[in-house]
Protein backbone atom coordinates (compact mmCIF):
# COMPACT_ATOMS: atom_id res chain seq x y z
CA MET A 1 0.07 33.14 55.30
CA ILE A 2 -1.60 30.09 53.85
CA THR A 3 -4.85 30.73 52.03
CA ASP A 4 -7.48 28.37 50.87
CA SER A 5 -7.68 27.40 47.21
CA PRO A 6 -10.84 28.32 45.15
CA GLU A 7 -11.70 24.57 45.33
CA GLU A 8 -11.35 24.48 49.13
CA ILE A 9 -13.53 27.63 49.57
CA ARG A 10 -16.18 26.02 47.35
CA GLU A 11 -16.09 22.78 49.55
CA LYS A 12 -16.30 24.88 52.65
CA ILE A 13 -19.41 26.77 51.34
CA SER A 14 -20.96 23.54 50.43
CA LEU A 15 -20.44 22.08 53.88
CA ALA A 16 -21.83 25.31 55.42
CA LEU A 17 -24.94 25.09 53.28
CA VAL A 18 -25.50 21.47 54.37
CA SER A 19 -24.95 22.36 58.04
CA GLN A 20 -27.32 25.35 57.84
CA ARG A 21 -30.07 23.03 56.49
CA LYS A 22 -29.64 20.69 59.39
CA TRP A 23 -29.40 23.56 61.87
CA LYS A 24 -32.69 25.08 60.87
CA THR A 25 -34.45 21.87 61.71
CA THR A 26 -33.19 21.77 65.21
CA SER A 27 -35.36 22.55 68.35
CA PHE A 28 -34.78 25.64 70.52
CA ARG A 29 -33.57 23.24 73.25
CA GLU A 30 -30.94 21.67 70.83
CA ARG A 31 -29.82 25.18 69.75
CA ARG A 32 -29.52 26.40 73.31
CA ARG A 33 -27.41 23.42 74.22
CA VAL A 34 -25.01 24.16 71.20
CA ILE A 35 -24.80 27.87 72.08
CA ARG A 36 -24.16 27.33 75.75
CA SER A 37 -21.41 24.74 74.88
CA LEU A 38 -19.82 27.38 72.49
CA GLN A 39 -20.16 30.02 75.28
CA LYS A 40 -18.31 27.87 77.72
CA TRP A 41 -15.62 27.08 75.18
CA LEU A 42 -15.16 30.77 74.28
CA VAL A 43 -14.86 31.81 77.99
CA GLU A 44 -12.38 29.04 78.67
CA ASN A 45 -10.32 30.09 75.59
CA GLN A 46 -10.86 33.86 75.41
CA ASP A 47 -7.21 34.73 75.61
CA ALA A 48 -6.36 32.65 72.59
CA CYS A 49 -9.34 33.76 70.76
CA ALA A 50 -8.27 37.46 71.47
CA LYS A 51 -4.69 36.78 70.23
CA VAL A 52 -6.03 35.21 66.94
CA ALA A 53 -8.52 38.13 66.42
CA CYS A 54 -5.71 40.70 66.97
CA ARG A 55 -3.34 38.74 64.72
CA ASP A 56 -5.75 38.47 61.96
CA THR A 57 -6.83 42.06 61.97
CA GLY A 58 -3.41 43.64 62.59
CA LYS A 59 -4.46 45.04 65.88
CA THR A 60 -2.37 45.18 69.09
CA CYS A 61 -3.51 42.78 71.75
CA LYS A 62 -3.39 43.92 75.43
CA LEU A 63 -4.99 41.26 77.64
CA VAL A 64 -6.39 42.38 80.97
CA ALA A 65 -5.97 40.12 84.01
């Protein structure tokens, strides 16, 4: 398993802070568009997301058709 270095973690936190400052200025319409886009992607990729979540948590993964 590859983990992030302390410097990489600091950089990711910094980027998240910048992103949050921008996000808080967006309108409801803009946020809704982003959330709907994310929802569409998650539905289209739910099997892969479930596999990653199971792998990362050590749980078994039984996908239902």
